[in-house]
């Protein structure tokens, strides 16, 4: 697992909007996607965490994200995705940042 949170820049964009993206609406979603890979480089699992699930459900505190659905992995990569209102013709218009801390890893004995 790991703990994740929005950063101030993203919170301000979701709450008030900015010159690039509008404020979040009832249908806005902003998601972290984790991809797990085995030793041969094959993708073996994914996990999603919603940093925003509508304007009234924006993550503002450290929240534990269970990554056990990735299975046994040697590498994890992250990507951000968002609903159409947070994107434009060149991709995301919302800042694609998040904070993480306290990453827990299990090793075979």
PDB file of N, CA and C in Angstrom:
ATOM      1  N   UNK A   1       0.834  -1.184   0.000  1.00  0.00           N
ATOM      2  CA  UNK A   1       0.000   0.000   0.000  1.00  0.00           C
ATOM      3  C   UNK A   1       0.880   1.248   0.000  1.00  0.00           C
ATOM      4  N   UNK A   2       0.246   2.364  -0.193  1.00  0.00           N
ATOM      5  CA  UNK A   2       0.895   3.662  -0.068  1.00  0.00           C
ATOM      6  C   UNK A   2      -0.179   4.681   0.266  1.00  0.00           C
ATOM      7  N   UNK A   3       0.229   5.810   0.810  1.00  0.00           N
ATOM      8  CA  UNK A   3      -0.714   6.873   1.117  1.00  0.00           C
ATOM      9  C   UNK A   3      -0.604   7.940   0.039  1.00  0.00           C
ATOM     10  N   UNK A   4      -1.750   8.457  -0.422  1.00  0.00           N
ATOM     11  CA  UNK A   4      -1.770   9.466  -1.475  1.00  0.00           C
ATOM     12  C   UNK A   4      -2.653  10.637  -1.058  1.00  0.00           C
ATOM     13  N   UNK A   5      -2.410  11.765  -1.714  1.00  0.00           N
ATOM     14  CA  UNK A   5      -3.180  12.972  -1.433  1.00  0.00           C
ATOM     15  C   UNK A   5      -3.033  13.912  -2.629  1.00  0.00           C
ATOM     16  N   UNK A   6      -3.981  14.811  -2.788  1.00  0.00           N
ATOM     17  CA  UNK A   6      -3.852  15.880  -3.770  1.00  0.00           C
ATOM     18  C   UNK A   6      -2.872  16.913  -3.247  1.00  0.00           C
ATOM     19  N   UNK A   7      -2.187  17.602  -4.146  1.00  0.00           N
ATOM     20  CA  UNK A   7      -1.334  18.709  -3.741  1.00  0.00           C
ATOM     21  C   UNK A   7      -2.140  20.007  -3.868  1.00  0.00           C
ATOM     22  N   UNK A   8      -1.647  21.083  -3.282  1.00  0.00           N
ATOM     23  CA  UNK A   8      -2.377  22.365  -3.277  1.00  0.00           C
ATOM     24  C   UNK A   8      -2.702  22.853  -4.684  1.00  0.00           C
ATOM     25  N   UNK A   9      -1.762  22.734  -5.603  1.00  0.00           N
ATOM     26  CA  UNK A   9      -1.970  23.178  -6.980  1.00  0.00           C
ATOM     27  C   UNK A   9      -3.189  22.494  -7.597  1.00  0.00           C
ATOM     28  N   UNK A  10      -3.287  21.185  -7.427  1.00  0.00           N
ATOM     29  CA  UNK A  10      -4.422  20.420  -7.963  1.00  0.00           C
ATOM     30  C   UNK A  10      -5.711  20.779  -7.220  1.00  0.00           C
ATOM     31  N   UNK A  11      -5.639  20.884  -5.894  1.00  0.00           N
ATOM     32  CA  UNK A  11      -6.832  21.251  -5.117  1.00  0.00           C
ATOM     33  C   UNK A  11      -7.398  22.589  -5.566  1.00  0.00           C
ATOM     34  N   UNK A  12      -6.539  23.571  -5.777  1.00  0.00           N
ATOM     35  CA  UNK A  12      -7.009  24.877  -6.239  1.00  0.00           C
ATOM     36  C   UNK A  12      -7.632  24.781  -7.626  1.00  0.00           C
ATOM     37  N   UNK A  13      -7.034  24.009  -8.517  1.00  0.00           N
ATOM     38  CA  UNK A  13      -7.596  23.838  -9.859  1.00  0.00           C
ATOM     39  C   UNK A  13      -8.961  23.161  -9.804  1.00  0.00           C
ATOM     40  N   UNK A  14      -9.085  22.108  -8.984  1.00  0.00           N
ATOM     41  CA  UNK A  14     -10.361  21.408  -8.870  1.00  0.00           C
ATOM     42  C   UNK A  14     -11.428  22.266  -8.198  1.00  0.00           C
ATOM     43  N   UNK A  15     -11.042  23.063  -7.230  1.00  0.00           N
ATOM     44  CA  UNK A  15     -11.999  23.853  -6.466  1.00  0.00           C
ATOM     45  C   UNK A  15     -12.433  25.120  -7.191  1.00  0.00           C
ATOM     46  N   UNK A  16     -11.470  25.849  -7.747  1.00  0.00           N
ATOM     47  CA  UNK A  16     -11.767  27.160  -8.324  1.00  0.00           C
ATOM     48  C   UNK A  16     -11.598  27.237  -9.835  1.00  0.00           C
ATOM     49  N   UNK A  17     -10.952  26.232 -10.424  1.00  0.00           N
ATOM     50  CA  UNK A  17     -10.603  26.318 -11.836  1.00  0.00           C
ATOM     51  C   UNK A  17      -9.393  27.229 -11.990  1.00  0.00           C
ATOM     52  N   UNK A  18      -8.847  27.273 -13.195  1.00  0.00           N
ATOM     53  CA  UNK A  18      -7.726  28.166 -13.489  1.00  0.00           C
ATOM     54  C   UNK A  18      -7.754  28.486 -14.976  1.00  0.00           C
ATOM     55  N   UNK A  19      -6.698  29.048 -15.489  1.00  0.00           N
ATOM     56  CA  UNK A  19      -6.655  29.430 -16.898  1.00  0.00           C
ATOM     57  C   UNK A  19      -6.629  28.258 -17.866  1.00  0.00           C
ATOM     58  N   UNK A  20      -6.437  27.052 -17.348  1.00  0.00           N
ATOM     59  CA  UNK A  20      -6.344  25.877 -18.214  1.00  0.00           C
ATOM     60  C   UNK A  20      -7.522  24.924 -18.058  1.00  0.00           C
ATOM     61  N   UNK A  21      -8.036  24.777 -16.839  1.00  0.00           N
ATOM     62  CA  UNK A  21      -9.132  23.832 -16.624  1.00  0.00           C
ATOM     63  C   UNK A  21     -10.212  24.474 -15.752  1.00  0.00           C
ATOM     64  N   UNK A  22     -11.454  24.050 -15.958  1.00  0.00           N
ATOM     65  CA  UNK A  22     -12.551  24.589 -15.139  1.00  0.00           C
ATOM     66  C   UNK A  22     -12.569  23.927 -13.763  1.00  0.00           C
ATOM     67  N   UNK A  23     -13.334  24.481 -12.859  1.00  0.00           N
ATOM     68  CA  UNK A  23     -13.531  23.856 -11.548  1.00  0.00           C
ATOM     69  C   UNK A  23     -14.268  22.525 -11.735  1.00  0.00           C
ATOM     70  N   UNK A  24     -14.083  21.618 -10.797  1.00  0.00           N
ATOM     71  CA  UNK A  24     -14.736  20.307 -10.855  1.00  0.00           C
ATOM     72  C   UNK A  24     -16.257  20.462 -10.800  1.00  0.00           C
ATOM     73  N   UNK A  25     -16.937  19.558 -11.483  1.00  0.00           N
ATOM     74  CA  UNK A  25     -18.397  19.497 -11.470  1.00  0.00           C
ATOM     75  C   UNK A  25     -18.818  18.199 -10.778  1.00  0.00           C
ATOM     76  N   UNK A  26     -20.105  17.926 -10.770  1.00  0.00           N
ATOM     77  CA  UNK A  26     -20.609  16.698 -10.157  1.00  0.00           C
ATOM     78  C   UNK A  26     -20.092  15.439 -10.849  1.00  0.00           C
ATOM     79  N   UNK A  27     -19.686  15.548 -12.106  1.00  0.00           N
ATOM     80  CA  UNK A  27     -19.257  14.361 -12.865  1.00  0.00           C
ATOM     81  C   UNK A  27     -17.748  14.289 -13.090  1.00  0.00           C
ATOM     82  N   UNK A  28     -17.000  15.242 -12.558  1.00  0.00           N
ATOM     83  CA  UNK A  28     -15.547  15.260 -12.748  1.00  0.00           C
ATOM     84  C   UNK A  28     -14.887  14.090 -12.031  1.00  0.00           C
ATOM     85  N   UNK A  29     -13.936  13.468 -12.733  1.00  0.00           N
ATOM     86  CA  UNK A  29     -13.115  12.420 -12.127  1.00  0.00           C
ATOM     87  C   UNK A  29     -11.652  12.701 -12.447  1.00  0.00           C
ATOM     88  N   UNK A  30     -10.813  12.469 -11.439  1.00  0.00           N
ATOM     89  CA  UNK A  30      -9.364  12.602 -11.589  1.00  0.00           C
ATOM     90  C   UNK A  30      -8.761  11.383 -10.904  1.00  0.00           C
ATOM     91  N   UNK A  31      -8.034  10.565 -11.650  1.00  0.00           N
ATOM     92  CA  UNK A  31      -7.668   9.222 -11.203  1.00  0.00           C
ATOM     93  C   UNK A  31      -6.171   8.966 -11.388  1.00  0.00           C
ATOM     94  N   UNK A  32      -5.588   8.291 -10.389  1.00  0.00           N
ATOM     95  CA  UNK A  32      -4.236   7.744 -10.524  1.00  0.00           C
ATOM     96  C   UNK A  32      -4.404   6.285 -10.941  1.00  0.00           C
ATOM     97  N   UNK A  33      -3.627   5.858 -11.917  1.00  0.00           N
ATOM     98  CA  UNK A  33      -3.633   4.452 -12.329  1.00  0.00           C
ATOM     99  C   UNK A  33      -2.236   3.895 -12.090  1.00  0.00           C
ATOM    100  N   UNK A  34      -2.152   2.806 -11.340  1.00  0.00           N
ATOM    101  CA  UNK A  34      -0.874   2.128 -11.092  1.00  0.00           C
ATOM    102  C   UNK A  34      -0.813   0.877 -11.950  1.00  0.00           C
ATOM    103  N   UNK A  35       0.320   0.661 -12.598  1.00  0.00           N
ATOM    104  CA  UNK A  35       0.550  -0.525 -13.425  1.00  0.00           C
ATOM    105  C   UNK A  35       1.687  -1.316 -12.807  1.00  0.00           C
ATOM    106  N   UNK A  36       1.445  -2.595 -12.515  1.00  0.00           N
ATOM    107  CA  UNK A  36       2.467  -3.457 -11.951  1.00  0.00           C
ATOM    108  C   UNK A  36       3.083  -4.341 -13.018  1.00  0.00           C
ATOM    109  N   UNK A  37       4.410  -4.552 -12.924  1.00  0.00           N
ATOM    110  CA  UNK A  37       5.139  -5.356 -13.911  1.00  0.00           C
ATOM    111  C   UNK A  37       5.948  -6.448 -13.226  1.00  0.00           C
ATOM    112  N   UNK A  38       6.040  -7.604 -13.899  1.00  0.00           N
ATOM    113  CA  UNK A  38       6.851  -8.704 -13.379  1.00  0.00           C
ATOM    114  C   UNK A  38       8.302  -8.539 -13.823  1.00  0.00           C
ATOM    115  N   UNK A  39       9.154  -9.491 -13.459  1.00  0.00           N
ATOM    116  CA  UNK A  39      10.585  -9.417 -13.757  1.00  0.00           C
ATOM    117  C   UNK A  39      10.892  -9.420 -15.255  1.00  0.00           C
ATOM    118  N   UNK A  40       9.986  -9.969 -16.067  1.00  0.00           N
ATOM    119  CA  UNK A  40      10.193  -9.998 -17.516  1.00  0.00           C
ATOM    120  C   UNK A  40       9.656  -8.741 -18.204  1.00  0.00           C
ATOM    121  N   UNK A  41       9.097  -7.835 -17.433  1.00  0.00           N
ATOM    122  CA  UNK A  41       8.573  -6.597 -18.004  1.00  0.00           C
ATOM    123  C   UNK A  41       7.131  -6.675 -18.470  1.00  0.00           C
ATOM    124  N   UNK A  42       6.441  -7.764 -18.131  1.00  0.00           N
ATOM    125  CA  UNK A  42       5.046  -7.914 -18.516  1.00  0.00           C
ATOM    126  C   UNK A  42       4.135  -7.223 -17.501  1.00  0.00           C
ATOM    127  N   UNK A  43       3.132  -6.515 -18.007  1.00  0.00           N
ATOM    128  CA  UNK A  43       2.154  -5.910 -17.103  1.00  0.00           C
ATOM    129  C   UNK A  43       1.303  -7.015 -16.501  1.00  0.00           C
ATOM    130  N   UNK A  44       1.226  -7.048 -15.164  1.00  0.00           N
ATOM    131  CA  UNK A  44       0.502  -8.129 -14.490  1.00  0.00           C
ATOM    132  C   UNK A  44      -0.707  -7.649 -13.701  1.00  0.00           C
ATOM    133  N   UNK A  45      -0.878  -6.340 -13.568  1.00  0.00           N
ATOM    134  CA  UNK A  45      -2.037  -5.844 -12.830  1.00  0.00           C
ATOM    135  C   UNK A  45      -2.124  -4.333 -12.849  1.00  0.00           C
ATOM    136  N   UNK A  46      -3.327  -3.844 -12.566  1.00  0.00           N
ATOM    137  CA  UNK A  46      -3.532  -2.402 -12.456  1.00  0.00           C
ATOM    138  C   UNK A  46      -4.370  -2.115 -11.214  1.00  0.00           C
ATOM    139  N   UNK A  47      -4.240  -0.899 -10.726  1.00  0.00           N
ATOM    140  CA  UNK A  47      -5.055  -0.430  -9.605  1.00  0.00           C
ATOM    141  C   UNK A  47      -5.377   1.033  -9.869  1.00  0.00           C
ATOM    142  N   UNK A  48      -6.573   1.459  -9.471  1.00  0.00           N
ATOM    143  CA  UNK A  48      -7.005   2.839  -9.686  1.00  0.00           C
ATOM    144  C   UNK A  48      -7.371   3.483  -8.351  1.00  0.00           C
ATOM    145  N   UNK A  49      -7.102   4.786  -8.263  1.00  0.00           N
ATOM    146  CA  UNK A  49      -7.460   5.545  -7.074  1.00  0.00           C
ATOM    147  C   UNK A  49      -8.017   6.893  -7.521  1.00  0.00           C
ATOM    148  N   UNK A  50      -9.227   7.216  -7.071  1.00  0.00           N
ATOM    149  CA  UNK A  50      -9.866   8.473  -7.466  1.00  0.00           C
ATOM    150  C   UNK A  50      -9.464   9.600  -6.520  1.00  0.00           C
ATOM    151  N   UNK A  51      -8.726  10.561  -7.047  1.00  0.00           N
ATOM    152  CA  UNK A  51      -8.380  11.762  -6.293  1.00  0.00           C
ATOM    153  C   UNK A  51      -9.544  12.753  -6.297  1.00  0.00           C
ATOM    154  N   UNK A  52     -10.430  12.619  -7.280  1.00  0.00           N
ATOM    155  CA  UNK A  52     -11.642  13.436  -7.361  1.00  0.00           C
ATOM    156  C   UNK A  52     -12.731  12.585  -7.990  1.00  0.00           C
ATOM    157  N   UNK A  53     -13.864  12.519  -7.317  1.00  0.00           N
ATOM    158  CA  UNK A  53     -15.025  11.803  -7.833  1.00  0.00           C
ATOM    159  C   UNK A  53     -16.240  12.718  -7.676  1.00  0.00           C
ATOM    160  N   UNK A  54     -16.206  13.836  -8.396  1.00  0.00           N
ATOM    161  CA  UNK A  54     -17.240  14.855  -8.279  1.00  0.00           C
ATOM    162  C   UNK A  54     -16.770  15.988  -7.381  1.00  0.00           C
ATOM    163  N   UNK A  55     -17.367  17.161  -7.550  1.00  0.00           N
ATOM    164  CA  UNK A  55     -16.903  18.352  -6.825  1.00  0.00           C
ATOM    165  C   UNK A  55     -17.015  18.239  -5.313  1.00  0.00           C
ATOM    166  N   UNK A  56     -17.877  17.352  -4.825  1.00  0.00           N
ATOM    167  CA  UNK A  56     -18.040  17.184  -3.384  1.00  0.00           C
ATOM    168  C   UNK A  56     -17.251  16.015  -2.821  1.00  0.00           C
ATOM    169  N   UNK A  57     -16.456  15.374  -3.650  1.00  0.00           N
ATOM    170  CA  UNK A  57     -15.663  14.225  -3.209  1.00  0.00           C
ATOM    171  C   UNK A  57     -14.240  14.346  -3.748  1.00  0.00           C
ATOM    172  N   UNK A  58     -13.520  15.338  -3.228  1.00  0.00           N
ATOM    173  CA  UNK A  58     -12.133  15.585  -3.612  1.00  0.00           C
ATOM    174  C   UNK A  58     -11.252  15.192  -2.424  1.00  0.00           C
ATOM    175  N   UNK A  59     -10.242  14.372  -2.666  1.00  0.00           N
ATOM    176  CA  UNK A  59      -9.353  13.925  -1.595  1.00  0.00           C
ATOM    177  C   UNK A  59      -8.559  15.119  -1.061  1.00  0.00           C
ATOM    178  N   UNK A  60      -8.653  15.326   0.256  1.00  0.00           N
ATOM    179  CA  UNK A  60      -7.959  16.440   0.905  1.00  0.00           C
ATOM    180  C   UNK A  60      -7.146  15.982   2.111  1.00  0.00           C
ATOM    181  N   UNK A  61      -7.064  14.681   2.341  1.00  0.00           N
ATOM    182  CA  UNK A  61      -6.301  14.118   3.447  1.00  0.00           C
ATOM    183  C   UNK A  61      -5.536  12.899   2.946  1.00  0.00           C
ATOM    184  N   UNK A  62      -4.468  12.554   3.670  1.00  0.00           N
ATOM    185  CA  UNK A  62      -3.716  11.357   3.316  1.00  0.00           C
ATOM    186  C   UNK A  62      -4.645  10.156   3.389  1.00  0.00           C
ATOM    187  N   UNK A  63      -4.677   9.396   2.309  1.00  0.00           N
ATOM    188  CA  UNK A  63      -5.587   8.261   2.197  1.00  0.00           C
ATOM    189  C   UNK A  63      -4.813   7.023   1.774  1.00  0.00           C
ATOM    190  N   UNK A  64      -5.044   5.921   2.472  1.00  0.00           N
ATOM    191  CA  UNK A  64      -4.349   4.667   2.160  1.00  0.00           C
ATOM    192  C   UNK A  64      -4.900   4.076   0.871  1.00  0.00           C
ATOM    193  N   UNK A  65      -3.993   3.713  -0.020  1.00  0.00           N
ATOM    194  CA  UNK A  65      -4.348   3.098  -1.299  1.00  0.00           C
ATOM    195  C   UNK A  65      -3.800   1.677  -1.295  1.00  0.00           C
ATOM    196  N   UNK A  66      -4.690   0.711  -1.281  1.00  0.00           N
ATOM    197  CA  UNK A  66      -4.318  -0.703  -1.272  1.00  0.00           C
ATOM    198  C   UNK A  66      -3.898  -1.108  -2.684  1.00  0.00           C
ATOM    199  N   UNK A  67      -2.661  -1.492  -2.832  1.00  0.00           N
ATOM    200  CA  UNK A  67      -2.131  -1.896  -4.140  1.00  0.00           C
ATOM    201  C   UNK A  67      -1.990  -3.411  -4.277  1.00  0.00           C
ATOM    202  N   UNK A  68      -2.583  -4.157  -3.379  1.00  0.00           N
ATOM    203  CA  UNK A  68      -2.432  -5.620  -3.412  1.00  0.00           C
ATOM    204  C   UNK A  68      -3.003  -6.232  -4.686  1.00  0.00           C
ATOM    205  N   UNK A  69      -3.903  -5.530  -5.363  1.00  0.00           N
ATOM    206  CA  UNK A  69      -4.468  -6.070  -6.605  1.00  0.00           C
ATOM    207  C   UNK A  69      -3.426  -6.137  -7.724  1.00  0.00           C
ATOM    208  N   UNK A  70      -2.286  -5.473  -7.546  1.00  0.00           N
ATOM    209  CA  UNK A  70      -1.223  -5.563  -8.545  1.00  0.00           C
ATOM    210  C   UNK A  70      -0.567  -6.936  -8.531  1.00  0.00           C
ATOM    211  N   UNK A  71      -0.650  -7.614  -7.405  1.00  0.00           N
ATOM    212  CA  UNK A  71      -0.014  -8.916  -7.283  1.00  0.00           C
ATOM    213  C   UNK A  71       1.470  -8.765  -7.002  1.00  0.00           C
ATOM    214  N   UNK A  72       2.230  -9.799  -7.335  1.00  0.00           N
ATOM    215  CA  UNK A  72       3.669  -9.802  -7.104  1.00  0.00           C
ATOM    216  C   UNK A  72       4.344  -9.078  -8.265  1.00  0.00           C
ATOM    217  N   UNK A  73       4.991  -7.959  -7.975  1.00  0.00           N
ATOM    218  CA  UNK A  73       5.591  -7.132  -9.019  1.00  0.00           C
ATOM    219  C   UNK A  73       7.010  -6.730  -8.639  1.00  0.00           C
ATOM    220  N   UNK A  74       7.783  -6.338  -9.649  1.00  0.00           N
ATOM    221  CA  UNK A  74       9.123  -5.809  -9.410  1.00  0.00           C
ATOM    222  C   UNK A  74       9.195  -4.325  -9.757  1.00  0.00           C
ATOM    223  N   UNK A  75       8.148  -3.814 -10.427  1.00  0.00           N
ATOM    224  CA  UNK A  75       8.131  -2.412 -10.816  1.00  0.00           C
ATOM    225  C   UNK A  75       6.689  -1.923 -10.859  1.00  0.00           C
ATOM    226  N   UNK A  76       6.487  -0.672 -10.448  1.00  0.00           N
ATOM    227  CA  UNK A  76       5.174  -0.040 -10.524  1.00  0.00           C
ATOM    228  C   UNK A  76       5.340   1.293 -11.236  1.00  0.00           C
ATOM    229  N   UNK A  77       4.485   1.541 -12.222  1.00  0.00           N
ATOM    230  CA  UNK A  77       4.460   2.826 -12.924  1.00  0.00           C
ATOM    231  C   UNK A  77       3.106   3.475 -12.684  1.00  0.00           C
ATOM    232  N   UNK A  78       3.069   4.806 -12.732  1.00  0.00           N
ATOM    233  CA  UNK A  78       1.840   5.546 -12.485  1.00  0.00           C
ATOM    234  C   UNK A  78       1.495   6.417 -13.685  1.00  0.00           C
ATOM    235  N   UNK A  79       0.207   6.593 -13.902  1.00  0.00           N
ATOM    236  CA  UNK A  79      -0.305   7.487 -14.927  1.00  0.00           C
ATOM    237  C   UNK A  79      -1.522   8.183 -14.343  1.00  0.00           C
ATOM    238  N   UNK A  80      -1.888   9.300 -14.905  1.00  0.00           N
ATOM    239  CA  UNK A  80      -3.058  10.050 -14.457  1.00  0.00           C
ATOM    240  C   UNK A  80      -4.080  10.063 -15.580  1.00  0.00           C
ATOM    241  N   UNK A  81      -5.351   9.988 -15.208  1.00  0.00           N
ATOM    242  CA  UNK A  81      -6.416  10.143 -16.193  1.00  0.00           C
ATOM    243  C   UNK A  81      -7.509  11.000 -15.568  1.00  0.00           C
ATOM    244  N   UNK A  82      -8.335  11.561 -16.411  1.00  0.00           N
ATOM    245  CA  UNK A  82      -9.391  12.443 -15.931  1.00  0.00           C
ATOM    246  C   UNK A  82     -10.576  12.391 -16.882  1.00  0.00           C
ATOM    247  N   UNK A  83     -11.707  12.858 -16.394  1.00  0.00           N
ATOM    248  CA  UNK A  83     -12.904  12.937 -17.218  1.00  0.00           C
ATOM    249  C   UNK A  83     -12.702  13.996 -18.306  1.00  0.00           C
ATOM    250  N   UNK A  84     -13.573  13.982 -19.299  1.00  0.00           N
ATOM    251  CA  UNK A  84     -13.439  14.846 -20.474  1.00  0.00           C
ATOM    252  C   UNK A  84     -13.387  16.329 -20.124  1.00  0.00           C
ATOM    253  N   UNK A  85     -14.044  16.735 -19.042  1.00  0.00           N
ATOM    254  CA  UNK A  85     -14.039  18.159 -18.689  1.00  0.00           C
ATOM    255  C   UNK A  85     -12.679  18.639 -18.178  1.00  0.00           C
ATOM    256  N   UNK A  86     -11.768  17.719 -17.887  1.00  0.00           N
ATOM    257  CA  UNK A  86     -10.427  18.071 -17.421  1.00  0.00           C
ATOM    258  C   UNK A  86      -9.380  17.823 -18.497  1.00  0.00           C
ATOM    259  N   UNK A  87      -9.822  17.757 -19.738  1.00  0.00           N
ATOM    260  CA  UNK A  87      -8.908  17.513 -20.848  1.00  0.00           C
ATOM    261  C   UNK A  87      -9.226  18.409 -22.023  1.00  0.00           C
ATOM    262  N   UNK A  88      -8.275  18.506 -22.911  1.00  0.00           N
ATOM    263  CA  UNK A  88      -8.438  19.298 -24.123  1.00  0.00           C
ATOM    264  C   UNK A  88      -7.867  18.546 -25.296  1.00  0.00           C
ATOM    265  N   UNK A  89      -7.668  19.237 -26.399  1.00  0.00           N
ATOM    266  CA  UNK A  89      -7.176  18.579 -27.608  1.00  0.00           C
ATOM    267  C   UNK A  89      -5.726  18.111 -27.469  1.00  0.00           C
ATOM    268  N   UNK A  90      -5.002  18.601 -26.450  1.00  0.00           N
ATOM    269  CA  UNK A  90      -3.611  18.193 -26.240  1.00  0.00           C
ATOM    270  C   UNK A  90      -3.430  17.304 -25.018  1.00  0.00           C
ATOM    271  N   UNK A  91      -4.511  16.858 -24.405  1.00  0.00           N
ATOM    272  CA  UNK A  91      -4.409  16.002 -23.229  1.00  0.00           C
ATOM    273  C   UNK A  91      -5.006  16.655 -22.005  1.00  0.00           C
ATOM    274  N   UNK A  92      -4.515  16.252 -20.830  1.00  0.00           N
ATOM    275  CA  UNK A  92      -5.043  16.791 -19.579  1.00  0.00           C
ATOM    276  C   UNK A  92      -4.818  18.290 -19.478  1.00  0.00           C
ATOM    277  N   UNK A  93      -5.824  19.000 -18.954  1.00  0.00           N
ATOM    278  CA  UNK A  93      -5.665  20.416 -18.652  1.00  0.00           C
ATOM    279  C   UNK A  93      -5.503  20.636 -17.152  1.00  0.00           C
ATOM    280  N   UNK A  94      -5.807  19.616 -16.368  1.00  0.00           N
ATOM    281  CA  UNK A  94      -5.593  19.679 -14.925  1.00  0.00           C
ATOM    282  C   UNK A  94      -4.145  19.283 -14.641  1.00  0.00           C
ATOM    283  N   UNK A  95      -3.512  19.883 -13.638  1.00  0.00           N
ATOM    284  CA  UNK A  95      -2.136  19.489 -13.314  1.00  0.00           C
ATOM    285  C   UNK A  95      -2.077  18.002 -12.946  1.00  0.00           C
ATOM    286  N   UNK A  96      -1.196  17.266 -13.561  1.00  0.00           N
ATOM    287  CA  UNK A  96      -1.104  15.815 -13.355  1.00  0.00           C
ATOM    288  C   UNK A  96      -0.096  15.501 -12.257  1.00  0.00           C
ATOM    289  N   UNK A  97      -0.422  15.922 -11.024  1.00  0.00           N
ATOM    290  CA  UNK A  97       0.450  15.707  -9.875  1.00  0.00           C
ATOM    291  C   UNK A  97      -0.337  15.083  -8.733  1.00  0.00           C
ATOM    292  N   UNK A  98       0.368  14.346  -7.896  1.00  0.00           N
ATOM    293  CA  UNK A  98      -0.199  13.870  -6.636  1.00  0.00           C
ATOM    294  C   UNK A  98       0.950  13.672  -5.655  1.00  0.00           C
ATOM    295  N   UNK A  99       0.620  13.648  -4.386  1.00  0.00           N
ATOM    296  CA  UNK A  99       1.624  13.412  -3.354  1.00  0.00           C
ATOM    297  C   UNK A  99       1.499  11.974  -2.876  1.00  0.00           C
ATOM    298  N   UNK A 100       2.640  11.351  -2.527  1.00  0.00           N
ATOM    299  CA  UNK A 100       2.602  10.009  -1.953  1.00  0.00           C
ATOM    300  C   UNK A 100       3.609   9.907  -0.826  1.00  0.00           C
ATOM    301  N   UNK A 101       3.331   8.982   0.081  1.00  0.00           N
ATOM    302  CA  UNK A 101       4.202   8.784   1.233  1.00  0.00           C
ATOM    303  C   UNK A 101       3.966   7.400   1.794  1.00  0.00           C
ATOM    304  N   UNK A 102       4.862   6.962   2.651  1.00  0.00           N
ATOM    305  CA  UNK A 102       4.724   5.714   3.399  1.00  0.00           C
ATOM    306  C   UNK A 102       4.395   4.512   2.506  1.00  0.00           C
ATOM    307  N   UNK A 103       5.246   4.298   1.519  1.00  0.00           N
ATOM    308  CA  UNK A 103       5.074   3.163   0.607  1.00  0.00           C
ATOM    309  C   UNK A 103       5.517   1.896   1.332  1.00  0.00           C
ATOM    310  N   UNK A 104       4.637   0.911   1.392  1.00  0.00           N
ATOM    311  CA  UNK A 104       4.948  -0.362   2.058  1.00  0.00           C
ATOM    312  C   UNK A 104       5.205  -1.431   1.011  1.00  0.00           C
ATOM    313  N   UNK A 105       6.319  -2.141   1.183  1.00  0.00           N
ATOM    314  CA  UNK A 105       6.714  -3.177   0.241  1.00  0.00           C
ATOM    315  C   UNK A 105       6.960  -4.463   1.013  1.00  0.00           C
ATOM    316  N   UNK A 106       6.514  -5.582   0.447  1.00  0.00           N
ATOM    317  CA  UNK A 106       6.757  -6.900   1.047  1.00  0.00           C
ATOM    318  C   UNK A 106       7.759  -7.659   0.195  1.00  0.00           C
ATOM    319  N   UNK A 107       8.735  -8.282   0.843  1.00  0.00           N
ATOM    320  CA  UNK A 107       9.733  -9.074   0.145  1.00  0.00           C
ATOM    321  C   UNK A 107       9.561 -10.541   0.543  1.00  0.00           C
ATOM    322  N   UNK A 108       9.838 -11.446  -0.412  1.00  0.00           N
ATOM    323  CA  UNK A 108       9.860 -12.871  -0.099  1.00  0.00           C
ATOM    324  C   UNK A 108      10.995 -13.147   0.851  1.00  0.00           C
ATOM    325  N   UNK A 109      10.785 -14.138   1.734  1.00  0.00           N
ATOM    326  CA  UNK A 109      11.841 -14.521   2.678  1.00  0.00           C
ATOM    327  C   UNK A 109      12.831 -15.438   2.032  1.00  0.00           C
TER     328      UNK A 109
END
